[in-house]
Amino acid sequence: MKSPSYIRFLMTCVISCLIISTDVTADDPKPSTLNKSQAAQKAQQKVNGRVLKVDQNKHKYQVKLLQKSGRVVSVNVDKKSGKVSQQGSKN
């Protein structure tokens, strides 16, 4: 019959392995994406104006801004990269 100290040692090794493997998987960060507020802020930095509306789809936000000149400008903000690209403007 196996001694209790051998079983205790074996259990300690198994538990240690489980704890170590859990820590390794917890270190993998989830890729961050922008929220609506951050997208609006990035759009304002690119196009000076007041944010009117923020819409979203799977990959981007569409931000509409009102410039001091009265023009409405729409820009796209990529959710992952934060890159702002201008769509066009309306009078």
C-alpha atoms as a PDB file:
ATOM      1  CA  MET A   1       0.000   0.000   0.000  1.00  0.00           C
ATOM      2  CA  LYS A   2       1.203   3.516  -0.844  1.00  0.00           C
ATOM      3  CA  SER A   3       2.132   5.834   1.982  1.00  0.00           C
ATOM      4  CA  PRO A   4       0.000   8.931   2.755  1.00  0.00           C
ATOM      5  CA  SER A   5       2.994  11.231   2.180  1.00  0.00           C
ATOM      6  CA  TYR A   6       3.374   9.925  -1.395  1.00  0.00           C
ATOM      7  CA  ILE A   7      -0.305  10.585  -2.125  1.00  0.00           C
ATOM      8  CA  ARG A   8      -0.077  14.049  -0.579  1.00  0.00           C
ATOM      9  CA  PHE A   9       2.983  14.826  -2.749  1.00  0.00           C
ATOM     10  CA  LEU A  10       1.202  13.586  -5.865  1.00  0.00           C
ATOM     11  CA  MET A  11      -1.905  15.687  -5.127  1.00  0.00           C
ATOM     12  CA  THR A  12       0.253  18.771  -4.516  1.00  0.00           C
ATOM     13  CA  CYS A  13       1.912  18.299  -7.921  1.00  0.00           C
ATOM     14  CA  VAL A  14      -1.430  17.921  -9.695  1.00  0.00           C
ATOM     15  CA  ILE A  15      -2.899  21.023  -8.033  1.00  0.00           C
ATOM     16  CA  SER A  16       0.242  23.051  -8.819  1.00  0.00           C
ATOM     17  CA  CYS A  17       0.033  22.080 -12.493  1.00  0.00           C
ATOM     18  CA  LEU A  18      -3.618  23.162 -12.628  1.00  0.00           C
ATOM     19  CA  ILE A  19      -2.856  26.532 -11.048  1.00  0.00           C
ATOM     20  CA  ILE A  20       0.056  27.188 -13.414  1.00  0.00           C
ATOM     21  CA  SER A  21      -1.960  26.298 -16.521  1.00  0.00           C
ATOM     22  CA  THR A  22      -4.822  28.588 -15.405  1.00  0.00           C
ATOM     23  CA  ASP A  23      -2.443  31.548 -14.987  1.00  0.00           C
ATOM     24  CA  VAL A  24      -0.989  31.090 -18.460  1.00  0.00           C
ATOM     25  CA  THR A  25      -4.382  31.209 -20.160  1.00  0.00           C
ATOM     26  CA  ALA A  26      -5.465  34.242 -18.116  1.00  0.00           C
ATOM     27  CA  ASP A  27      -2.517  36.293 -19.455  1.00  0.00           C
ATOM     28  CA  ASP A  28      -3.817  36.255 -23.046  1.00  0.00           C
ATOM     29  CA  PRO A  29      -5.459  39.682 -23.423  1.00  0.00           C
ATOM     30  CA  LYS A  30      -8.574  40.059 -25.530  1.00  0.00           C
ATOM     31  CA  PRO A  31      -8.026  42.496 -28.387  1.00  0.00           C
ATOM     32  CA  SER A  32      -9.434  45.830 -27.344  1.00  0.00           C
ATOM     33  CA  THR A  33     -11.967  47.711 -29.411  1.00  0.00           C
ATOM     34  CA  LEU A  34     -13.147  51.291 -29.232  1.00  0.00           C
ATOM     35  CA  ASN A  35     -16.454  52.209 -27.631  1.00  0.00           C
ATOM     36  CA  LYS A  36     -18.845  54.868 -28.998  1.00  0.00           C
ATOM     37  CA  SER A  37     -17.420  57.613 -26.823  1.00  0.00           C
ATOM     38  CA  GLN A  38     -13.845  56.913 -27.913  1.00  0.00           C
ATOM     39  CA  ALA A  39     -14.926  56.815 -31.571  1.00  0.00           C
ATOM     40  CA  ALA A  40     -16.640  60.198 -31.200  1.00  0.00           C
ATOM     41  CA  GLN A  41     -13.520  61.655 -29.584  1.00  0.00           C
ATOM     42  CA  LYS A  42     -11.266  60.372 -32.385  1.00  0.00           C
ATOM     43  CA  ALA A  43     -13.647  61.798 -35.001  1.00  0.00           C
ATOM     44  CA  GLN A  44     -13.622  65.204 -33.267  1.00  0.00           C
ATOM     45  CA  GLN A  45      -9.820  65.201 -33.273  1.00  0.00           C
ATOM     46  CA  LYS A  46      -9.793  64.575 -37.033  1.00  0.00           C
ATOM     47  CA  VAL A  47     -12.705  66.852 -38.011  1.00  0.00           C
ATOM     48  CA  ASN A  48     -13.292  69.905 -35.857  1.00  0.00           C
ATOM     49  CA  GLY A  49     -17.009  69.884 -35.079  1.00  0.00           C
ATOM     50  CA  ARG A  50     -19.843  68.901 -32.748  1.00  0.00           C
ATOM     51  CA  VAL A  51     -20.858  65.239 -32.717  1.00  0.00           C
ATOM     52  CA  LEU A  52     -24.446  64.775 -33.860  1.00  0.00           C
ATOM     53  CA  LYS A  53     -24.765  61.006 -34.044  1.00  0.00           C
ATOM     54  CA  VAL A  54     -22.746  57.810 -33.687  1.00  0.00           C
ATOM     55  CA  ASP A  55     -23.904  54.631 -35.458  1.00  0.00           C
ATOM     56  CA  GLN A  56     -22.115  51.309 -35.476  1.00  0.00           C
ATOM     57  CA  ASN A  57     -21.881  48.080 -37.385  1.00  0.00           C
ATOM     58  CA  LYS A  58     -19.668  45.042 -36.933  1.00  0.00           C
ATOM     59  CA  HIS A  59     -16.354  46.664 -37.906  1.00  0.00           C
ATOM     60  CA  LYS A  60     -16.742  50.449 -37.676  1.00  0.00           C
ATOM     61  CA  TYR A  61     -18.529  53.442 -36.202  1.00  0.00           C
ATOM     62  CA  GLN A  62     -20.059  56.113 -38.417  1.00  0.00           C
ATOM     63  CA  VAL A  63     -19.823  59.507 -36.726  1.00  0.00           C
ATOM     64  CA  LYS A  64     -21.716  62.555 -38.001  1.00  0.00           C
ATOM     65  CA  LEU A  65     -20.359  65.954 -36.997  1.00  0.00           C
ATOM     66  CA  LEU A  66     -21.566  69.526 -37.482  1.00  0.00           C
ATOM     67  CA  GLN A  67     -18.812  71.978 -38.388  1.00  0.00           C
ATOM     68  CA  LYS A  68     -18.888  75.704 -37.549  1.00  0.00           C
ATOM     69  CA  SER A  69     -19.459  76.428 -41.228  1.00  0.00           C
ATOM     70  CA  GLY A  70     -22.765  74.530 -41.034  1.00  0.00           C
ATOM     71  CA  ARG A  71     -21.550  71.521 -43.000  1.00  0.00           C
ATOM     72  CA  VAL A  72     -22.429  68.024 -41.794  1.00  0.00           C
ATOM     73  CA  VAL A  73     -19.493  65.660 -42.159  1.00  0.00           C
ATOM     74  CA  SER A  74     -19.577  61.880 -41.783  1.00  0.00           C
ATOM     75  CA  VAL A  75     -16.486  59.874 -40.900  1.00  0.00           C
ATOM     76  CA  ASN A  76     -15.847  56.192 -40.308  1.00  0.00           C
ATOM     77  CA  VAL A  77     -13.846  55.050 -37.296  1.00  0.00           C
ATOM     78  CA  ASP A  78     -12.458  51.510 -37.380  1.00  0.00           C
ATOM     79  CA  LYS A  79     -13.339  49.691 -34.136  1.00  0.00           C
ATOM     80  CA  LYS A  80     -10.012  47.855 -33.814  1.00  0.00           C
ATOM     81  CA  SER A  81      -7.427  50.268 -35.169  1.00  0.00           C
ATOM     82  CA  GLY A  82      -9.163  53.580 -34.400  1.00  0.00           C
ATOM     83  CA  LYS A  83      -8.322  54.834 -37.897  1.00  0.00           C
ATOM     84  CA  VAL A  84     -10.571  57.692 -39.018  1.00  0.00           C
ATOM     85  CA  SER A  85     -11.544  57.944 -42.683  1.00  0.00           C
ATOM     86  CA  GLN A  86     -13.713  60.722 -44.095  1.00  0.00           C
ATOM     87  CA  GLN A  87     -16.851  59.785 -46.045  1.00  0.00           C
ATOM     88  CA  GLY A  88     -18.078  63.078 -47.413  1.00  0.00           C
ATOM     89  CA  SER A  89     -20.092  66.125 -46.481  1.00  0.00           C
ATOM     90  CA  LYS A  90     -23.617  67.517 -46.910  1.00  0.00           C
ATOM     91  CA  ASN A  91     -24.806  71.148 -46.938  1.00  0.00           C
END
